Amino acid sequence: MNRCQMQRIPKAGQILWYIDLSQIQSRSVNETIELLESMGHQPQLRYQETKEGLKLFALLRDEQADPAAVVDDEYLIDQRLALYEALPGEDMAIHFASGLPVSLPVSV
């Protein structure tokens, strides 16, 4: 996978927050990017080739947390809610995913 391809399934401890620009109906890609930038985000464009065609994404976050811990549901909640408010009716385009924690060996 090259650096511009979109990874949609996070690894353990990885946090991915992105917008599927292919699903935005209420504004153009350019208008959406401008909106994200006005909200303080620095979106990185990513793509994914599918059988249906090319999908375009705006990656907002790609972070690595503790791979042994579950990411708190409240992480970035204010920013996430602000994004839902800024893009009303576009809920299906907004994605926040975190990788499941790895099991650590338990010493007995």
PDB file of N, CA and C in Angstrom:
ATOM      1  N   MET A   1       0.852  -1.177   0.000  1.00  0.00           N
ATOM      2  CA  MET A   1       0.000   0.000   0.000  1.00  0.00           C
ATOM      3  C   MET A   1       0.898   1.240   0.000  1.00  0.00           C
ATOM      4  N   ASN A   2       0.636   2.151  -0.934  1.00  0.00           N
ATOM      5  CA  ASN A   2       1.432   3.373  -0.940  1.00  0.00           C
ATOM      6  C   ASN A   2       0.846   4.383   0.044  1.00  0.00           C
ATOM      7  N   ARG A   3       1.554   5.461   0.316  1.00  0.00           N
ATOM      8  CA  ARG A   3       1.149   6.405   1.361  1.00  0.00           C
ATOM      9  C   ARG A   3      -0.125   7.167   1.032  1.00  0.00           C
ATOM     10  N   CYS A   4      -0.578   7.156  -0.209  1.00  0.00           N
ATOM     11  CA  CYS A   4      -1.803   7.865  -0.581  1.00  0.00           C
ATOM     12  C   CYS A   4      -3.033   6.971  -0.593  1.00  0.00           C
ATOM     13  N   GLN A   5      -2.839   5.664  -0.426  1.00  0.00           N
ATOM     14  CA  GLN A   5      -3.976   4.760  -0.366  1.00  0.00           C
ATOM     15  C   GLN A   5      -4.589   4.813   1.030  1.00  0.00           C
ATOM     16  N   MET A   6      -5.901   4.696   1.092  1.00  0.00           N
ATOM     17  CA  MET A   6      -6.618   4.774   2.359  1.00  0.00           C
ATOM     18  C   MET A   6      -6.661   3.424   3.040  1.00  0.00           C
ATOM     19  N   GLN A   7      -6.193   3.386   4.262  1.00  0.00           N
ATOM     20  CA  GLN A   7      -6.305   2.203   5.109  1.00  0.00           C
ATOM     21  C   GLN A   7      -7.586   2.382   5.914  1.00  0.00           C
ATOM     22  N   ARG A   8      -8.548   1.480   5.762  1.00  0.00           N
ATOM     23  CA  ARG A   8      -9.834   1.655   6.433  1.00  0.00           C
ATOM     24  C   ARG A   8     -10.005   0.752   7.639  1.00  0.00           C
ATOM     25  N   ILE A   9      -9.146  -0.232   7.794  1.00  0.00           N
ATOM     26  CA  ILE A   9      -9.216  -1.119   8.956  1.00  0.00           C
ATOM     27  C   ILE A   9      -7.983  -0.836   9.816  1.00  0.00           C
ATOM     28  N   PRO A  10      -8.196  -0.219  10.972  1.00  0.00           N
ATOM     29  CA  PRO A  10      -7.050   0.157  11.808  1.00  0.00           C
ATOM     30  C   PRO A  10      -6.395  -1.042  12.482  1.00  0.00           C
ATOM     31  N   LYS A  11      -5.105  -0.895  12.732  1.00  0.00           N
ATOM     32  CA  LYS A  11      -4.351  -1.905  13.461  1.00  0.00           C
ATOM     33  C   LYS A  11      -4.583  -1.685  14.959  1.00  0.00           C
ATOM     34  N   ALA A  12      -4.110  -2.603  15.778  1.00  0.00           N
ATOM     35  CA  ALA A  12      -4.277  -2.484  17.231  1.00  0.00           C
ATOM     36  C   ALA A  12      -3.755  -1.136  17.710  1.00  0.00           C
ATOM     37  N   GLY A  13      -4.602  -0.386  18.400  1.00  0.00           N
ATOM     38  CA  GLY A  13      -4.217   0.907  18.952  1.00  0.00           C
ATOM     39  C   GLY A  13      -4.237   2.058  17.964  1.00  0.00           C
ATOM     40  N   GLN A  14      -4.469   1.786  16.716  1.00  0.00           N
ATOM     41  CA  GLN A  14      -4.480   2.842  15.707  1.00  0.00           C
ATOM     42  C   GLN A  14      -5.847   3.521  15.675  1.00  0.00           C
ATOM     43  N   ILE A  15      -5.840   4.841  15.524  1.00  0.00           N
ATOM     44  CA  ILE A  15      -7.063   5.631  15.445  1.00  0.00           C
ATOM     45  C   ILE A  15      -7.117   6.283  14.072  1.00  0.00           C
ATOM     46  N   LEU A  16      -8.195   6.028  13.347  1.00  0.00           N
ATOM     47  CA  LEU A  16      -8.407   6.636  12.034  1.00  0.00           C
ATOM     48  C   LEU A  16      -9.691   7.449  12.081  1.00  0.00           C
ATOM     49  N   TRP A  17      -9.593   8.712  11.696  1.00  0.00           N
ATOM     50  CA  TRP A  17     -10.764   9.586  11.612  1.00  0.00           C
ATOM     51  C   TRP A  17     -10.729  10.185  10.223  1.00  0.00           C
ATOM     52  N   TYR A  18     -11.754   9.925   9.442  1.00  0.00           N
ATOM     53  CA  TYR A  18     -11.728  10.353   8.045  1.00  0.00           C
ATOM     54  C   TYR A  18     -13.131  10.601   7.515  1.00  0.00           C
ATOM     55  N   ILE A  19     -13.173  11.335   6.410  1.00  0.00           N
ATOM     56  CA  ILE A  19     -14.410  11.632   5.711  1.00  0.00           C
ATOM     57  C   ILE A  19     -14.352  10.933   4.362  1.00  0.00           C
ATOM     58  N   ASP A  20     -15.405  10.201   4.026  1.00  0.00           N
ATOM     59  CA  ASP A  20     -15.515   9.592   2.702  1.00  0.00           C
ATOM     60  C   ASP A  20     -16.107  10.663   1.785  1.00  0.00           C
ATOM     61  N   LEU A  21     -15.252  11.345   1.064  1.00  0.00           N
ATOM     62  CA  LEU A  21     -15.682  12.444   0.201  1.00  0.00           C
ATOM     63  C   LEU A  21     -16.597  11.959  -0.913  1.00  0.00           C
ATOM     64  N   SER A  22     -16.516  10.681  -1.247  1.00  0.00           N
ATOM     65  CA  SER A  22     -17.371  10.109  -2.288  1.00  0.00           C
ATOM     66  C   SER A  22     -18.829  10.050  -1.842  1.00  0.00           C
ATOM     67  N   GLN A  23     -19.076  10.129  -0.526  1.00  0.00           N
ATOM     68  CA  GLN A  23     -20.433  10.038   0.000  1.00  0.00           C
ATOM     69  C   GLN A  23     -21.041  11.408   0.337  1.00  0.00           C
ATOM     70  N   ILE A  24     -20.267  12.464   0.263  1.00  0.00           N
ATOM     71  CA  ILE A  24     -20.789  13.804   0.565  1.00  0.00           C
ATOM     72  C   ILE A  24     -21.722  14.233  -0.564  1.00  0.00           C
ATOM     73  N   GLN A  25     -22.946  14.583  -0.206  1.00  0.00           N
ATOM     74  CA  GLN A  25     -23.951  14.953  -1.197  1.00  0.00           C
ATOM     75  C   GLN A  25     -24.232  16.459  -1.226  1.00  0.00           C
ATOM     76  N   SER A  26     -24.029  17.138  -0.112  1.00  0.00           N
ATOM     77  CA  SER A  26     -24.504  18.517   0.018  1.00  0.00           C
ATOM     78  C   SER A  26     -23.524  19.581  -0.463  1.00  0.00           C
ATOM     79  N   ARG A  27     -22.298  19.195  -0.777  1.00  0.00           N
ATOM     80  CA  ARG A  27     -21.294  20.170  -1.217  1.00  0.00           C
ATOM     81  C   ARG A  27     -20.225  19.466  -2.043  1.00  0.00           C
ATOM     82  N   SER A  28     -19.433  20.260  -2.731  1.00  0.00           N
ATOM     83  CA  SER A  28     -18.360  19.708  -3.557  1.00  0.00           C
ATOM     84  C   SER A  28     -17.190  19.258  -2.682  1.00  0.00           C
ATOM     85  N   VAL A  29     -16.282  18.511  -3.278  1.00  0.00           N
ATOM     86  CA  VAL A  29     -15.072  18.095  -2.563  1.00  0.00           C
ATOM     87  C   VAL A  29     -14.303  19.324  -2.110  1.00  0.00           C
ATOM     88  N   ASN A  30     -14.143  20.306  -2.994  1.00  0.00           N
ATOM     89  CA  ASN A  30     -13.410  21.518  -2.650  1.00  0.00           C
ATOM     90  C   ASN A  30     -14.069  22.250  -1.478  1.00  0.00           C
ATOM     91  N   GLU A  31     -15.387  22.377  -1.504  1.00  0.00           N
ATOM     92  CA  GLU A  31     -16.100  23.050  -0.408  1.00  0.00           C
ATOM     93  C   GLU A  31     -15.938  22.279   0.903  1.00  0.00           C
ATOM     94  N   THR A  32     -15.951  20.965   0.823  1.00  0.00           N
ATOM     95  CA  THR A  32     -15.787  20.149   2.025  1.00  0.00           C
ATOM     96  C   THR A  32     -14.384  20.317   2.597  1.00  0.00           C
ATOM     97  N   ILE A  33     -13.375  20.288   1.745  1.00  0.00           N
ATOM     98  CA  ILE A  33     -11.991  20.480   2.204  1.00  0.00           C
ATOM     99  C   ILE A  33     -11.840  21.862   2.842  1.00  0.00           C
ATOM    100  N   GLU A  34     -12.395  22.882   2.211  1.00  0.00           N
ATOM    101  CA  GLU A  34     -12.324  24.239   2.771  1.00  0.00           C
ATOM    102  C   GLU A  34     -13.011  24.304   4.130  1.00  0.00           C
ATOM    103  N   LEU A  35     -14.152  23.639   4.273  1.00  0.00           N
ATOM    104  CA  LEU A  35     -14.848  23.599   5.553  1.00  0.00           C
ATOM    105  C   LEU A  35     -13.981  22.943   6.618  1.00  0.00           C
ATOM    106  N   LEU A  36     -13.387  21.797   6.283  1.00  0.00           N
ATOM    107  CA  LEU A  36     -12.531  21.086   7.233  1.00  0.00           C
ATOM    108  C   LEU A  36     -11.351  21.956   7.652  1.00  0.00           C
ATOM    109  N   GLU A  37     -10.749  22.638   6.706  1.00  0.00           N
ATOM    110  CA  GLU A  37      -9.620  23.517   7.025  1.00  0.00           C
ATOM    111  C   GLU A  37     -10.068  24.680   7.898  1.00  0.00           C
ATOM    112  N   SER A  38     -11.260  25.232   7.648  1.00  0.00           N
ATOM    113  CA  SER A  38     -11.755  26.344   8.464  1.00  0.00           C
ATOM    114  C   SER A  38     -12.037  25.898   9.900  1.00  0.00           C
ATOM    115  N   MET A  39     -12.235  24.593  10.094  1.00  0.00           N
ATOM    116  CA  MET A  39     -12.459  24.040  11.425  1.00  0.00           C
ATOM    117  C   MET A  39     -11.145  23.685  12.119  1.00  0.00           C
ATOM    118  N   GLY A  40     -10.018  23.957  11.470  1.00  0.00           N
ATOM    119  CA  GLY A  40      -8.717  23.699  12.072  1.00  0.00           C
ATOM    120  C   GLY A  40      -8.091  22.370  11.703  1.00  0.00           C
ATOM    121  N   HIS A  41      -8.744  21.605  10.851  1.00  0.00           N
ATOM    122  CA  HIS A  41      -8.182  20.317  10.421  1.00  0.00           C
ATOM    123  C   HIS A  41      -7.198  20.535   9.280  1.00  0.00           C
ATOM    124  N   GLN A  42      -6.321  19.590   9.102  1.00  0.00           N
ATOM    125  CA  GLN A  42      -5.387  19.575   7.980  1.00  0.00           C
ATOM    126  C   GLN A  42      -5.605  18.266   7.217  1.00  0.00           C
ATOM    127  N   PRO A  43      -6.697  18.205   6.454  1.00  0.00           N
ATOM    128  CA  PRO A  43      -7.038  16.940   5.791  1.00  0.00           C
ATOM    129  C   PRO A  43      -5.989  16.522   4.769  1.00  0.00           C
ATOM    130  N   GLN A  44      -5.715  15.239   4.768  1.00  0.00           N
ATOM    131  CA  GLN A  44      -4.811  14.644   3.785  1.00  0.00           C
ATOM    132  C   GLN A  44      -5.665  13.801   2.846  1.00  0.00           C
ATOM    133  N   LEU A  45      -5.536  14.046   1.558  1.00  0.00           N
ATOM    134  CA  LEU A  45      -6.331  13.286   0.589  1.00  0.00           C
ATOM    135  C   LEU A  45      -5.776  11.880   0.439  1.00  0.00           C
ATOM    136  N   ARG A  46      -6.685  10.921   0.455  1.00  0.00           N
ATOM    137  CA  ARG A  46      -6.366   9.510   0.275  1.00  0.00           C
ATOM    138  C   ARG A  46      -7.370   8.927  -0.710  1.00  0.00           C
ATOM    139  N   TYR A  47      -7.022   7.797  -1.305  1.00  0.00           N
ATOM    140  CA  TYR A  47      -7.926   7.149  -2.248  1.00  0.00           C
ATOM    141  C   TYR A  47      -7.975   5.656  -1.986  1.00  0.00           C
ATOM    142  N   GLN A  48      -9.011   5.044  -2.544  1.00  0.00           N
ATOM    143  CA  GLN A  48      -9.131   3.590  -2.519  1.00  0.00           C
ATOM    144  C   GLN A  48      -9.797   3.168  -3.820  1.00  0.00           C
ATOM    145  N   GLU A  49      -9.201   2.195  -4.495  1.00  0.00           N
ATOM    146  CA  GLU A  49      -9.793   1.656  -5.721  1.00  0.00           C
ATOM    147  C   GLU A  49     -10.701   0.498  -5.336  1.00  0.00           C
ATOM    148  N   THR A  50     -11.943   0.555  -5.822  1.00  0.00           N
ATOM    149  CA  THR A  50     -12.905  -0.505  -5.550  1.00  0.00           C
ATOM    150  C   THR A  50     -13.480  -0.995  -6.876  1.00  0.00           C
ATOM    151  N   LYS A  51     -14.274  -2.041  -6.828  1.00  0.00           N
ATOM    152  CA  LYS A  51     -14.933  -2.542  -8.035  1.00  0.00           C
ATOM    153  C   LYS A  51     -15.896  -1.507  -8.600  1.00  0.00           C
ATOM    154  N   GLU A  52     -16.438  -0.653  -7.708  1.00  0.00           N
ATOM    155  CA  GLU A  52     -17.383   0.382  -8.129  1.00  0.00           C
ATOM    156  C   GLU A  52     -16.681   1.623  -8.680  1.00  0.00           C
ATOM    157  N   GLY A  53     -15.378   1.723  -8.485  1.00  0.00           N
ATOM    158  CA  GLY A  53     -14.629   2.884  -8.961  1.00  0.00           C
ATOM    159  C   GLY A  53     -13.722   3.446  -7.882  1.00  0.00           C
ATOM    160  N   LEU A  54     -13.265   4.635  -8.099  1.00  0.00           N
ATOM    161  CA  LEU A  54     -12.329   5.296  -7.197  1.00  0.00           C
ATOM    162  C   LEU A  54     -13.081   6.019  -6.089  1.00  0.00           C
ATOM    163  N   LYS A  55     -12.651   5.813  -4.838  1.00  0.00           N
ATOM    164  CA  LYS A  55     -13.235   6.512  -3.694  1.00  0.00           C
ATOM    165  C   LYS A  55     -12.179   7.483  -3.169  1.00  0.00           C
ATOM    166  N   LEU A  56     -12.632   8.654  -2.762  1.00  0.00           N
ATOM    167  CA  LEU A  56     -11.734   9.700  -2.281  1.00  0.00           C
ATOM    168  C   LEU A  56     -12.052  10.001  -0.821  1.00  0.00           C
ATOM    169  N   PHE A  57     -11.018  10.127   0.001  1.00  0.00           N
ATOM    170  CA  PHE A  57     -11.165  10.354   1.429  1.00  0.00           C
ATOM    171  C   PHE A  57     -10.350  11.562   1.874  1.00  0.00           C
ATOM    172  N   ALA A  58     -10.823  12.195   2.946  1.00  0.00           N
ATOM    173  CA  ALA A  58     -10.051  13.232   3.637  1.00  0.00           C
ATOM    174  C   ALA A  58      -9.688  12.655   4.997  1.00  0.00           C
ATOM    175  N   LEU A  59      -8.422  12.324   5.174  1.00  0.00           N
ATOM    176  CA  LEU A  59      -7.943  11.757   6.434  1.00  0.00           C
ATOM    177  C   LEU A  59      -7.674  12.898   7.406  1.00  0.00           C
ATOM    178  N   LEU A  60      -8.351  12.875   8.551  1.00  0.00           N
ATOM    179  CA  LEU A  60      -8.192  13.919   9.555  1.00  0.00           C
ATOM    180  C   LEU A  60      -7.213  13.517  10.646  1.00  0.00           C
ATOM    181  N   ARG A  61      -7.224  12.251  11.007  1.00  0.00           N
ATOM    182  CA  ARG A  61      -6.313  11.753  12.044  1.00  0.00           C
ATOM    183  C   ARG A  61      -5.892  10.333  11.716  1.00  0.00           C
ATOM    184  N   ASP A  62      -4.622  10.066  11.957  1.00  0.00           N
ATOM    185  CA  ASP A  62      -4.074   8.714  11.918  1.00  0.00           C
ATOM    186  C   ASP A  62      -3.075   8.674  13.056  1.00  0.00           C
ATOM    187  N   GLU A  63      -3.520   8.188  14.199  1.00  0.00           N
ATOM    188  CA  GLU A  63      -2.707   8.207  15.413  1.00  0.00           C
ATOM    189  C   GLU A  63      -2.497   6.788  15.927  1.00  0.00           C
ATOM    190  N   GLN A  64      -1.447   6.643  16.701  1.00  0.00           N
ATOM    191  CA  GLN A  64      -1.181   5.359  17.331  1.00  0.00           C
ATOM    192  C   GLN A  64      -1.298   5.536  18.837  1.00  0.00           C
ATOM    193  N   ALA A  65      -2.233   4.819  19.445  1.00  0.00           N
ATOM    194  CA  ALA A  65      -2.402   4.805  20.893  1.00  0.00           C
ATOM    195  C   ALA A  65      -1.814   3.496  21.419  1.00  0.00           C
ATOM    196  N   ASP A  66      -1.964   3.276  22.685  1.00  0.00           N
ATOM    197  CA  ASP A  66      -1.487   2.044  23.307  1.00  0.00           C
ATOM    198  C   ASP A  66      -2.197   0.852  22.669  1.00  0.00           C
ATOM    199  N   PRO A  67      -1.464  -0.054  22.011  1.00  0.00           N
ATOM    200  CA  PRO A  67      -2.106  -1.183  21.337  1.00  0.00           C
ATOM    201  C   PRO A  67      -2.762  -2.183  22.288  1.00  0.00           C
ATOM    202  N   ALA A  68      -2.473  -2.072  23.586  1.00  0.00           N
ATOM    203  CA  ALA A  68      -3.060  -2.990  24.549  1.00  0.00           C
ATOM    204  C   ALA A  68      -4.315  -2.416  25.211  1.00  0.00           C
ATOM    205  N   ALA A  69      -4.657  -1.169  24.894  1.00  0.00           N
ATOM    206  CA  ALA A  69      -5.794  -0.511  25.548  1.00  0.00           C
ATOM    207  C   ALA A  69      -6.910  -0.218  24.541  1.00  0.00           C
ATOM    208  N   VAL A  70      -8.123  -0.159  25.051  1.00  0.00           N
ATOM    209  CA  VAL A  70      -9.279   0.221  24.249  1.00  0.00           C
ATOM    210  C   VAL A  70      -9.323   1.746  24.201  1.00  0.00           C
ATOM    211  N   VAL A  71      -9.588   2.313  23.020  1.00  0.00           N
ATOM    212  CA  VAL A  71      -9.693   3.760  22.881  1.00  0.00           C
ATOM    213  C   VAL A  71     -11.016   4.214  23.499  1.00  0.00           C
ATOM    214  N   ASP A  72     -10.939   5.225  24.335  1.00  0.00           N
ATOM    215  CA  ASP A  72     -12.119   5.766  25.020  1.00  0.00           C
ATOM    216  C   ASP A  72     -13.121   6.297  24.002  1.00  0.00           C
ATOM    217  N   ASP A  73     -14.393   5.949  24.178  1.00  0.00           N
ATOM    218  CA  ASP A  73     -15.454   6.412  23.274  1.00  0.00           C
ATOM    219  C   ASP A  73     -15.561   7.931  23.239  1.00  0.00           C
ATOM    220  N   GLU A  74     -15.118   8.589  24.283  1.00  0.00           N
ATOM    221  CA  GLU A  74     -15.215  10.049  24.377  1.00  0.00           C
ATOM    222  C   GLU A  74     -14.032  10.759  23.718  1.00  0.00           C
ATOM    223  N   TYR A  75     -13.066  10.016  23.198  1.00  0.00           N
ATOM    224  CA  TYR A  75     -11.879  10.627  22.598  1.00  0.00           C
ATOM    225  C   TYR A  75     -12.292  11.519  21.428  1.00  0.00           C
ATOM    226  N   LEU A  76     -11.889  12.767  21.465  1.00  0.00           N
ATOM    227  CA  LEU A  76     -12.185  13.771  20.437  1.00  0.00           C
ATOM    228  C   LEU A  76     -13.685  14.013  20.251  1.00  0.00           C
ATOM    229  N   ILE A  77     -14.488  13.745  21.258  1.00  0.00           N
ATOM    230  CA  ILE A  77     -15.944  13.813  21.091  1.00  0.00           C
ATOM    231  C   ILE A  77     -16.409  15.214  20.694  1.00  0.00           C
ATOM    232  N   ASP A  78     -15.843  16.260  21.277  1.00  0.00           N
ATOM    233  CA  ASP A  78     -16.273  17.618  20.922  1.00  0.00           C
ATOM    234  C   ASP A  78     -15.989  17.928  19.458  1.00  0.00           C
ATOM    235  N   GLN A  79     -14.796  17.543  18.986  1.00  0.00           N
ATOM    236  CA  GLN A  79     -14.448  17.776  17.583  1.00  0.00           C
ATOM    237  C   GLN A  79     -15.304  16.924  16.655  1.00  0.00           C
ATOM    238  N   ARG A  80     -15.589  15.711  17.061  1.00  0.00           N
ATOM    239  CA  ARG A  80     -16.415  14.828  16.236  1.00  0.00           C
ATOM    240  C   ARG A  80     -17.844  15.358  16.136  1.00  0.00           C
ATOM    241  N   LEU A  81     -18.402  15.817  17.271  1.00  0.00           N
ATOM    242  CA  LEU A  81     -19.759  16.377  17.251  1.00  0.00           C
ATOM    243  C   LEU A  81     -19.814  17.653  16.413  1.00  0.00           C
ATOM    244  N   ALA A  82     -18.772  18.479  16.506  1.00  0.00           N
ATOM    245  CA  ALA A  82     -18.714  19.708  15.700  1.00  0.00           C
ATOM    246  C   ALA A  82     -18.728  19.371  14.215  1.00  0.00           C
ATOM    247  N   LEU A  83     -18.065  18.290  13.844  1.00  0.00           N
ATOM    248  CA  LEU A  83     -18.037  17.887  12.439  1.00  0.00           C
ATOM    249  C   LEU A  83     -19.414  17.412  11.972  1.00  0.00           C
ATOM    250  N   TYR A  84     -20.100  16.662  12.818  1.00  0.00           N
ATOM    251  CA  TYR A  84     -21.466  16.239  12.471  1.00  0.00           C
ATOM    252  C   TYR A  84     -22.384  17.449  12.303  1.00  0.00           C
ATOM    253  N   GLU A  85     -22.205  18.467  13.152  1.00  0.00           N
ATOM    254  CA  GLU A  85     -23.016  19.682  13.046  1.00  0.00           C
ATOM    255  C   GLU A  85     -22.674  20.470  11.782  1.00  0.00           C
ATOM    256  N   ALA A  86     -21.403  20.475  11.398  1.00  0.00           N
ATOM    257  CA  ALA A  86     -20.971  21.224  10.212  1.00  0.00           C
ATOM    258  C   ALA A  86     -21.387  20.538   8.915  1.00  0.00           C
ATOM    259  N   LEU A  87     -21.600  19.217   8.979  1.00  0.00           N
ATOM    260  CA  LEU A  87     -22.001  18.444   7.800  1.00  0.00           C
ATOM    261  C   LEU A  87     -23.327  17.739   8.077  1.00  0.00           C
ATOM    262  N   PRO A  88     -24.408  18.513   8.276  1.00  0.00           N
ATOM    263  CA  PRO A  88     -25.692  17.876   8.598  1.00  0.00           C
ATOM    264  C   PRO A  88     -26.167  16.961   7.472  1.00  0.00           C
ATOM    265  N   GLY A  89     -26.678  15.804   7.875  1.00  0.00           N
ATOM    266  CA  GLY A  89     -27.185  14.842   6.903  1.00  0.00           C
ATOM    267  C   GLY A  89     -26.102  14.011   6.230  1.00  0.00           C
ATOM    268  N   GLU A  90     -24.863  14.202   6.618  1.00  0.00           N
ATOM    269  CA  GLU A  90     -23.751  13.477   5.984  1.00  0.00           C
ATOM    270  C   GLU A  90     -23.130  12.458   6.939  1.00  0.00           C
ATOM    271  N   ASP A  91     -23.929  11.952   7.874  1.00  0.00           N
ATOM    272  CA  ASP A  91     -23.429  11.037   8.900  1.00  0.00           C
ATOM    273  C   ASP A  91     -22.706   9.818   8.328  1.00  0.00           C
ATOM    274  N   MET A  92     -23.185   9.310   7.203  1.00  0.00           N
ATOM    275  CA  MET A  92     -22.600   8.102   6.623  1.00  0.00           C
ATOM    276  C   MET A  92     -21.219   8.348   6.021  1.00  0.00           C
ATOM    277  N   ALA A  93     -20.844   9.599   5.850  1.00  0.00           N
ATOM    278  CA  ALA A  93     -19.544   9.925   5.265  1.00  0.00           C
ATOM    279  C   ALA A  93     -18.455  10.096   6.320  1.00  0.00           C
ATOM    280  N   ILE A  94     -18.845  10.250   7.584  1.00  0.00           N
ATOM    281  CA  ILE A  94     -17.900  10.525   8.669  1.00  0.00           C
ATOM    282  C   ILE A  94     -17.567   9.213   9.375  1.00  0.00           C
ATOM    283  N   HIS A  95     -16.277   8.906   9.457  1.00  0.00           N
ATOM    284  CA  HIS A  95     -15.844   7.633  10.038  1.00  0.00           C
ATOM    285  C   HIS A  95     -14.789   7.862  11.118  1.00  0.00           C
ATOM    286  N   PHE A  96     -14.972   7.183  12.237  1.00  0.00           N
ATOM    287  CA  PHE A  96     -14.008   7.189  13.332  1.00  0.00           C
ATOM    288  C   PHE A  96     -13.810   5.732  13.720  1.00  0.00           C
ATOM    289  N   ALA A  97     -12.619   5.222  13.503  1.00  0.00           N
ATOM    290  CA  ALA A  97     -12.357   3.808  13.767  1.00  0.00           C
ATOM    291  C   ALA A  97     -11.101   3.659  14.602  1.00  0.00           C
ATOM    292  N   SER A  98     -11.138   2.715  15.514  1.00  0.00           N
ATOM    293  CA  SER A  98      -9.943   2.411  16.302  1.00  0.00           C
ATOM    294  C   SER A  98      -9.736   0.906  16.307  1.00  0.00           C
ATOM    295  N   GLY A  99      -8.473   0.535  16.249  1.00  0.00           N
ATOM    296  CA  GLY A  99      -8.134  -0.883  16.223  1.00  0.00           C
ATOM    297  C   GLY A  99      -8.364  -1.547  17.560  1.00  0.00           C
ATOM    298  N   LEU A 100      -8.777  -2.784  17.515  1.00  0.00           N
ATOM    299  CA  LEU A 100      -8.995  -3.536  18.740  1.00  0.00           C
ATOM    300  C   LEU A 100      -7.671  -3.783  19.441  1.00  0.00           C
ATOM    301  N   PRO A 101      -7.686  -3.790  20.773  1.00  0.00           N
ATOM    302  CA  PRO A 101      -6.433  -4.011  21.491  1.00  0.00           C
ATOM    303  C   PRO A 101      -5.931  -5.444  21.292  1.00  0.00           C
ATOM    304  N   VAL A 102      -4.619  -5.585  21.335  1.00  0.00           N
ATOM    305  CA  VAL A 102      -4.026  -6.917  21.259  1.00  0.00           C
ATOM    306  C   VAL A 102      -4.070  -7.543  22.643  1.00  0.00           C
ATOM    307  N   SER A 103      -4.133  -8.825  22.674  1.00  0.00           N
ATOM    308  CA  SER A 103      -4.104  -9.530  23.960  1.00  0.00           C
ATOM    309  C   SER A 103      -2.656  -9.652  24.409  1.00  0.00           C
ATOM    310  N   LEU A 104      -2.422  -9.268  25.637  1.00  0.00           N
ATOM    311  CA  LEU A 104      -1.085  -9.385  26.194  1.00  0.00           C
ATOM    312  C   LEU A 104      -0.986 -10.678  26.970  1.00  0.00           C
ATOM    313  N   PRO A 105       0.164 -11.341  26.902  1.00  0.00           N
ATOM    314  CA  PRO A 105       0.313 -12.579  27.673  1.00  0.00           C
ATOM    315  C   PRO A 105       0.257 -12.280  29.184  1.00  0.00           C
ATOM    316  N   VAL A 106      -0.392 -13.164  29.890  1.00  0.00           N
ATOM    317  CA  VAL A 106      -0.521 -13.008  31.337  1.00  0.00           C
ATOM    318  C   VAL A 106       0.441 -13.989  31.998  1.00  0.00           C
ATOM    319  N   SER A 107       1.288 -13.458  32.868  1.00  0.00           N
ATOM    320  CA  SER A 107       2.223 -14.337  33.566  1.00  0.00           C
ATOM    321  C   SER A 107       1.517 -14.907  34.790  1.00  0.00           C
ATOM    322  N   VAL A 108       1.791 -16.149  35.050  1.00  0.00           N
ATOM    323  CA  VAL A 108       1.137 -16.840  36.180  1.00  0.00           C
ATOM    324  C   VAL A 108       2.124 -17.126  37.250  1.00  0.00           C
TER     325      VAL A 108
END
